[in-house]
């Protein structure tokens, strides 16, 4: 039967049912009048014809009304089989049409989530394969006697274990992102102390970069969770150091003005094109200039943005004459008075 929907313009299922009943009664009455008054049929002939005509009108109108429901049922069954690409044609403006549009929106979201899940599995597998393969090579050389199990041979293995540990930590943070809000323990934090501690930790990585720090004013504070904010700065410094050339300079500036605090990290790397600035803040995203050897997992900036947004702030990629500059904007804290606020 053709999918005819003459009642789609009506905005209520109750009105549609009323129109269906009225149309059926009108068709039956008209057929009865024609049969008795015009054609002069006997009632036993005119009444069955009137009933059949009323049933036909009801079938046509009801079929159009229930078409979205049949599509919803078929799409739901397909989704249960794992097919998230099915969509429901929602042409009506009543409650059924609203349900069809809501279902289509849900199907798009589930399709996106499923794609992200597959991408997550693929990316984690790739990130795990590299350090595991390197560890296996080092251990096989030690077992086979190719290389002695001394510091020079074990140092690369330790580096790969540390890389695996960093990946596990980032995956745990990612699970916290997916779990929802994380409670923050806010207190006034001096930016100079926070940035200094993060830079000291970054220097331990042994990368051939120099760090320059400027904080204005020297006693600038923000109201934040110290651990989470340290994680943000550490991730930004790690990202900057990985993309800086040997002997490069990473500049960290922090300032409080206009009722807010801005912390910026600038490197001397290749920078990020304007078209990729939003994408690089997503999970497992890397800029077009990133290489497989930079040691990044593609999670650091996404986790940093999540932690910044927990504080009600923003993480953005800003314009810079050279390299990449990442800006963290946070609400400033009032001066502490005798302890944490």
Protein backbone atom coordinates (compact mmCIF):
# COMPACT_ATOMS: atom_id res chain seq x y z
CA UNK A 1 0.00 0.00 0.00
CA UNK A 2 1.40 3.46 -0.90
CA UNK A 3 2.72 5.44 2.04
CA UNK A 4 0.20 8.30 1.86
CA UNK A 5 0.18 10.70 4.83
CA UNK A 6 -2.62 13.22 4.29
CA UNK A 7 -2.86 14.13 7.99
CA UNK A 8 0.80 15.09 8.52
CA UNK A 9 -0.04 18.80 8.72
CA UNK A 10 -2.06 18.29 11.89
CA UNK A 11 -0.07 18.82 15.09
CA UNK A 12 -1.91 16.49 17.50
CA UNK A 13 -2.62 12.78 17.44
CA UNK A 14 -5.97 13.47 19.12
CA UNK A 15 -7.02 15.80 16.31
CA UNK A 16 -5.94 13.19 13.77
CA UNK A 17 -8.07 10.54 15.45
CA UNK A 18 -11.00 12.92 15.46
CA UNK A 19 -10.55 13.66 11.75
CA UNK A 20 -10.29 9.92 11.04
CA UNK A 21 -13.57 9.20 12.84
CA UNK A 22 -15.30 12.16 11.19
CA UNK A 23 -14.06 11.18 7.73
CA UNK A 24 -15.16 7.58 8.21
CA UNK A 25 -18.62 8.65 9.38
CA UNK A 26 -18.93 11.14 6.53
CA UNK A 27 -17.92 8.52 3.96
CA UNK A 28 -20.43 6.02 5.39
CA UNK A 29 -23.22 8.61 5.46
CA UNK A 30 -22.50 9.76 1.92
CA UNK A 31 -22.42 6.18 0.60
CA UNK A 32 -25.69 5.38 2.40
CA UNK A 33 -27.40 8.50 0.97
CA UNK A 34 -26.20 7.75 -2.58
CA UNK A 35 -27.24 4.13 -2.33
CA UNK A 36 -30.70 4.81 -0.91
CA UNK A 37 -31.69 8.15 -2.43
CA UNK A 38 -29.85 8.29 -5.74
CA UNK A 39 -29.37 4.68 -6.81
CA UNK A 40 -32.47 3.49 -4.93
CA UNK A 41 -30.74 0.39 -3.62
CA UNK A 42 -32.23 -1.80 -0.99
CA UNK A 43 -30.77 -1.12 2.47
CA UNK A 44 -29.20 -4.58 2.55
CA UNK A 45 -27.03 -3.48 -0.39
CA UNK A 46 -26.44 0.17 0.48
CA UNK A 47 -25.34 -0.38 4.09
CA UNK A 48 -22.56 -2.96 3.35
CA UNK A 49 -21.18 -0.66 0.63
CA UNK A 50 -21.20 2.25 3.09
CA UNK A 51 -19.35 0.16 5.69
CA UNK A 52 -16.72 -0.94 3.15
CA UNK A 53 -16.16 2.64 2.02
CA UNK A 54 -15.80 3.79 5.64
CA UNK A 55 -13.28 0.99 6.27
CA UNK A 56 -11.31 2.01 3.17
CA UNK A 57 -11.12 5.66 4.29
CA UNK A 58 -10.09 4.52 7.76
CA UNK A 59 -7.40 2.23 6.32
CA UNK A 60 -5.87 4.98 4.17
CA UNK A 61 -5.80 7.57 6.96
CA UNK A 62 -4.68 5.13 9.67
CA UNK A 63 -1.91 3.73 7.48
CA UNK A 64 -0.43 7.20 7.08
CA UNK A 65 -0.77 7.88 10.80
CA UNK A 66 1.01 4.67 11.83
CA UNK A 67 3.78 4.70 9.19
CA UNK A 68 6.28 6.41 11.57
CA UNK A 69 5.49 3.81 14.23
CA UNK A 70 6.28 0.98 11.84
CA UNK A 71 9.52 2.71 10.86
CA UNK A 72 10.37 3.18 14.53
CA UNK A 73 9.83 -0.53 15.19
CA UNK A 74 12.00 -1.57 12.24
CA UNK A 75 14.75 0.90 13.20
CA UNK A 76 14.70 -0.24 16.83
CA UNK A 77 15.09 -3.88 15.77
CA UNK A 78 17.95 -2.93 13.43
CA UNK A 79 19.61 -0.96 16.24
CA UNK A 80 19.32 -3.99 18.53
CA UNK A 81 21.34 -5.89 15.90
CA UNK A 82 24.03 -3.19 15.99
CA UNK A 83 22.95 -1.20 12.93
CA UNK A 84 23.02 2.43 14.08
CA UNK A 85 22.74 3.87 10.58
CA UNK A 86 18.95 3.43 10.35
CA UNK A 87 16.88 6.61 10.35
CA UNK A 88 13.14 7.30 10.66
CA UNK A 89 11.39 9.63 8.22
CA UNK A 90 9.56 12.17 10.39
CA UNK A 91 7.17 14.21 8.23
CA UNK A 92 4.33 14.64 10.73
CA UNK A 93 4.23 17.35 13.38
CA UNK A 94 2.32 15.44 16.06
CA UNK A 95 3.54 13.38 19.01
CA UNK A 96 4.50 10.45 16.76
CA UNK A 97 6.60 12.74 14.60
CA UNK A 98 8.33 14.13 17.68
CA UNK A 99 9.10 10.59 18.81
CA UNK A 100 10.51 9.78 15.36
CA UNK A 101 12.76 12.85 15.41
CA UNK A 102 13.93 12.05 18.95
CA UNK A 103 14.71 8.49 17.86
CA UNK A 104 16.71 9.72 14.86
CA UNK A 105 18.69 12.06 17.11
CA UNK A 106 19.38 9.20 19.51
CA UNK A 107 20.48 6.97 16.60
CA UNK A 108 22.96 9.61 15.43
CA UNK A 109 24.40 9.93 18.93
CA UNK A 110 24.69 6.15 19.33
CA UNK A 111 26.39 5.91 15.93
CA UNK A 112 28.88 8.57 17.01
CA UNK A 113 29.51 6.83 20.35
CA UNK A 114 30.04 3.51 18.58
CA UNK A 115 32.50 5.13 16.18
CA UNK A 116 34.37 6.71 19.10
CA UNK A 117 34.48 3.34 20.86
CA UNK A 118 36.00 1.64 17.82
CA UNK A 119 38.47 4.50 17.41
CA UNK A 120 39.39 4.26 21.09
CA UNK A 121 40.10 0.54 20.85
CA UNK A 122 42.16 1.02 17.69
CA UNK A 123 44.17 3.91 19.12
CA UNK A 124 44.83 2.25 22.48
CA UNK A 125 45.94 -0.91 20.68
CA UNK A 126 48.31 1.15 18.55
CA UNK A 127 49.69 3.06 21.54
CA UNK A 128 50.27 -0.16 23.48
CA UNK A 129 51.91 -1.99 20.58
CA UNK A 130 54.90 0.35 20.27
CA UNK A 131 56.23 0.21 23.88
CA UNK A 132 55.39 -3.48 24.22
CA UNK A 133 57.33 -4.26 21.04
CA UNK A 134 60.28 -2.21 22.26
CA UNK A 135 60.22 -3.94 25.65
CA UNK A 136 60.09 -7.34 23.98
CA UNK A 137 63.10 -6.50 21.82
CA UNK A 138 65.16 -5.38 24.82
CA UNK A 139 64.26 -8.43 26.87
CA UNK A 140 64.87 -10.85 23.98
CA UNK A 141 68.31 -9.34 23.44
CA UNK A 142 69.08 -9.75 27.14
CA UNK A 143 67.80 -13.36 27.24
CA UNK A 144 69.65 -14.35 24.05
CA UNK A 145 72.86 -12.74 25.27
CA UNK A 146 72.97 -10.30 22.38
CA UNK A 147 73.21 -7.37 24.80
CA UNK A 148 74.21 -7.53 28.46
CA UNK A 149 71.53 -6.66 31.00
CA UNK A 150 73.30 -3.53 32.10
CA UNK A 151 72.13 0.04 32.59
CA UNK A 152 72.57 0.92 28.91
CA UNK A 153 70.32 -1.95 27.85
CA UNK A 154 67.72 -1.51 30.57
CA UNK A 155 67.39 2.27 30.26
CA UNK A 156 65.30 2.01 27.03
CA UNK A 157 63.14 -0.64 28.70
CA UNK A 158 62.55 1.68 31.66
CA UNK A 159 61.58 4.47 29.28
CA UNK A 160 59.00 2.22 27.61
CA UNK A 161 57.60 1.13 30.98
CA UNK A 162 57.24 4.80 31.93
CA UNK A 163 55.46 5.42 28.65
CA UNK A 164 53.07 2.57 29.41
CA UNK A 165 52.47 4.02 32.87
CA UNK A 166 51.69 7.44 31.38
CA UNK A 167 49.24 5.84 28.97
CA UNK A 168 47.48 3.97 31.80
CA UNK A 169 47.23 7.19 33.84
CA UNK A 170 45.74 9.03 30.89
CA UNK A 171 43.25 6.24 30.24
CA UNK A 172 42.19 6.39 33.89
CA UNK A 173 41.66 10.14 33.54
CA UNK A 174 39.70 9.47 30.37
CA UNK A 175 37.44 7.07 32.28
CA UNK A 176 36.81 9.83 34.82
CA UNK A 177 35.82 12.14 31.97
CA UNK A 178 33.30 9.59 30.71
CA UNK A 179 32.00 8.94 34.24
CA UNK A 180 30.90 12.57 34.58
CA UNK A 181 31.73 15.31 37.02
CA UNK A 182 34.66 14.91 39.39
CA UNK A 183 34.56 16.76 42.73
CA UNK A 184 37.04 19.60 42.95
CA UNK A 185 38.80 20.63 46.16
CA UNK A 186 39.19 24.32 45.49
CA UNK A 187 41.55 26.53 47.38
CA UNK A 188 43.59 29.66 46.58
CA UNK A 189 46.62 28.54 44.57
CA UNK A 190 49.64 30.76 43.94
CA UNK A 191 50.39 30.61 40.23
CA UNK A 192 54.13 31.10 40.76
CA UNK A 193 54.35 28.03 43.00
CA UNK A 194 52.14 25.95 40.73
CA UNK A 195 53.99 26.80 37.53
CA UNK A 196 57.37 26.41 39.22
CA UNK A 197 56.54 22.91 40.44
CA UNK A 198 55.21 21.88 37.02
CA UNK A 199 58.32 23.22 35.25
CA UNK A 200 60.59 21.39 37.72
CA UNK A 201 58.76 18.17 36.89
CA UNK A 202 59.00 18.83 33.15
CA UNK A 203 62.76 19.32 33.38
CA UNK A 204 63.07 15.76 34.72
CA UNK A 205 61.94 14.39 31.35
CA UNK A 206 65.39 15.17 29.98
CA UNK A 207 64.18 16.85 26.78
CA UNK A 208 66.53 19.36 25.22
CA UNK A 209 64.41 22.45 25.84
CA UNK A 210 64.67 25.50 28.07
CA UNK A 211 61.81 26.84 30.16
CA UNK A 212 61.14 30.53 30.75
CA UNK A 213 58.54 31.51 33.36
CA UNK A 214 56.87 34.88 33.93
CA UNK A 215 54.12 35.41 36.52
CA UNK A 216 52.44 38.81 37.01
CA UNK A 217 51.94 39.79 39.73
CA UNK A 218 54.28 37.52 41.67
CA UNK A 219 51.59 36.71 44.26
CA UNK A 220 48.84 36.02 41.69
CA UNK A 221 46.30 33.42 42.81
CA UNK A 222 43.47 31.39 41.36
CA UNK A 223 40.72 29.49 43.13
CA UNK A 224 41.29 25.95 41.90
CA UNK A 225 41.99 22.34 42.71
CA UNK A 226 45.82 22.25 42.99
CA UNK A 227 46.16 18.66 41.76
CA UNK A 228 43.92 19.13 38.72
CA UNK A 229 45.46 22.46 37.78
CA UNK A 230 48.96 20.98 38.12
CA UNK A 231 47.85 18.22 35.77
CA UNK A 232 46.74 20.85 33.23
CA UNK A 233 50.06 22.71 33.34
CA UNK A 234 52.08 19.48 33.23
CA UNK A 235 50.18 18.26 30.16
CA UNK A 236 50.65 21.59 28.37
CA UNK A 237 54.37 21.63 29.18
CA UNK A 238 54.77 18.04 27.99
CA UNK A 239 52.97 18.88 24.75
CA UNK A 240 55.13 21.97 24.20
CA UNK A 241 58.39 20.14 24.94
CA UNK A 242 57.57 17.26 22.60
CA UNK A 243 56.88 19.59 19.67
CA UNK A 244 59.78 21.98 20.28
CA UNK A 245 63.00 21.59 18.27
CA UNK A 246 66.21 20.60 20.09
CA UNK A 247 67.46 23.59 22.03
CA UNK A 248 64.05 25.27 21.80
CA UNK A 249 62.48 27.52 24.41
CA UNK A 250 59.12 26.89 26.10
CA UNK A 251 57.69 30.10 27.52
CA UNK A 252 55.16 29.97 30.36
CA UNK A 253 53.33 33.15 31.32
CA UNK A 254 50.65 33.64 33.96
CA UNK A 255 48.81 36.83 34.80
CA UNK A 256 45.72 37.94 36.71
CA UNK A 257 43.75 40.84 35.30
CA UNK A 258 40.13 41.90 34.69
CA UNK A 259 38.83 39.49 37.30
CA UNK A 260 40.34 36.43 35.62
CA UNK A 261 43.59 34.54 35.26
CA UNK A 262 45.31 33.52 32.05
CA UNK A 263 48.08 30.95 31.83
CA UNK A 264 49.83 30.55 28.46
CA UNK A 265 52.34 28.00 27.21
CA UNK A 266 54.23 28.89 24.02
CA UNK A 267 56.60 26.59 22.16
CA UNK A 268 58.82 27.01 19.10
CA UNK A 269 57.48 24.04 17.18
CA UNK A 270 55.74 23.97 13.79
CA UNK A 271 52.47 25.30 15.22
CA UNK A 272 48.88 24.20 14.57
CA UNK A 273 46.96 25.26 11.44
CA UNK A 274 43.79 27.26 12.05
CA UNK A 275 41.64 24.47 10.61
CA UNK A 276 42.95 21.96 13.19
CA UNK A 277 42.87 24.07 16.35
CA UNK A 278 39.59 22.71 17.66
CA UNK A 279 40.25 19.12 16.62
CA UNK A 280 43.61 18.84 18.43
CA UNK A 281 41.79 19.30 21.74
CA UNK A 282 39.79 16.11 21.14
CA UNK A 283 40.73 12.59 22.16
CA UNK A 284 43.54 10.87 20.25
CA UNK A 285 43.77 13.83 17.89
CA UNK A 286 47.14 14.95 16.61
CA UNK A 287 48.01 17.88 14.42
CA UNK A 288 49.17 17.28 10.87
CA UNK A 289 52.71 18.22 11.93
CA UNK A 290 52.88 15.55 14.67
CA UNK A 291 54.94 12.45 14.03
CA UNK A 292 54.65 8.92 15.34
CA UNK A 293 57.93 9.43 17.18
CA UNK A 294 56.86 12.35 19.35
CA UNK A 295 55.76 9.95 22.11
CA UNK A 296 52.32 11.49 22.57
CA UNK A 297 49.14 9.54 23.05
CA UNK A 298 46.76 12.20 21.78
CA UNK A 299 45.03 12.35 25.16
CA UNK A 300 46.97 15.04 27.03
CA UNK A 301 45.23 18.10 25.59
CA UNK A 302 41.78 16.48 25.79
CA UNK A 303 42.32 15.72 29.48
CA UNK A 304 43.67 19.22 30.06
CA UNK A 305 40.59 20.78 28.47
CA UNK A 306 38.34 18.58 30.62
CA UNK A 307 40.14 19.68 33.81
CA UNK A 308 39.99 23.34 32.78
CA UNK A 309 36.27 23.12 32.04
CA UNK A 310 35.71 21.54 35.45
CA UNK A 311 36.97 24.84 36.87
CA UNK A 312 34.61 26.84 34.67
CA UNK A 313 37.45 27.93 32.38
CA UNK A 314 38.48 27.51 28.75
CA UNK A 315 41.45 25.98 26.95
CA UNK A 316 42.09 27.42 23.49
CA UNK A 317 44.75 27.41 20.80
CA UNK A 318 45.74 31.04 20.29
CA UNK A 319 47.49 32.92 17.50
CA UNK A 320 51.26 33.12 17.82
CA UNK A 321 53.94 34.53 15.51
CA UNK A 322 55.84 31.27 15.86
CA UNK A 323 55.04 27.86 17.26
CA UNK A 324 51.89 27.00 19.19
CA UNK A 325 50.40 28.93 22.09
CA UNK A 326 47.84 27.34 24.39
CA UNK A 327 45.83 29.65 26.65
CA UNK A 328 44.06 28.61 29.85
CA UNK A 329 41.51 31.14 31.10
CA UNK A 330 40.30 30.68 34.68
CA UNK A 331 38.33 32.72 37.20
CA UNK A 332 40.68 34.48 39.63
CA UNK A 333 40.62 33.92 43.38
CA UNK A 334 40.22 36.63 45.96
CA UNK A 335 43.28 37.06 48.19
CA UNK A 336 43.42 34.27 50.75
CA UNK A 337 42.66 35.24 54.32
CA UNK A 338 44.12 32.86 56.82
CA UNK A 339 43.86 29.59 54.91
CA UNK A 340 41.97 27.82 52.18
CA UNK A 341 38.65 29.13 51.05
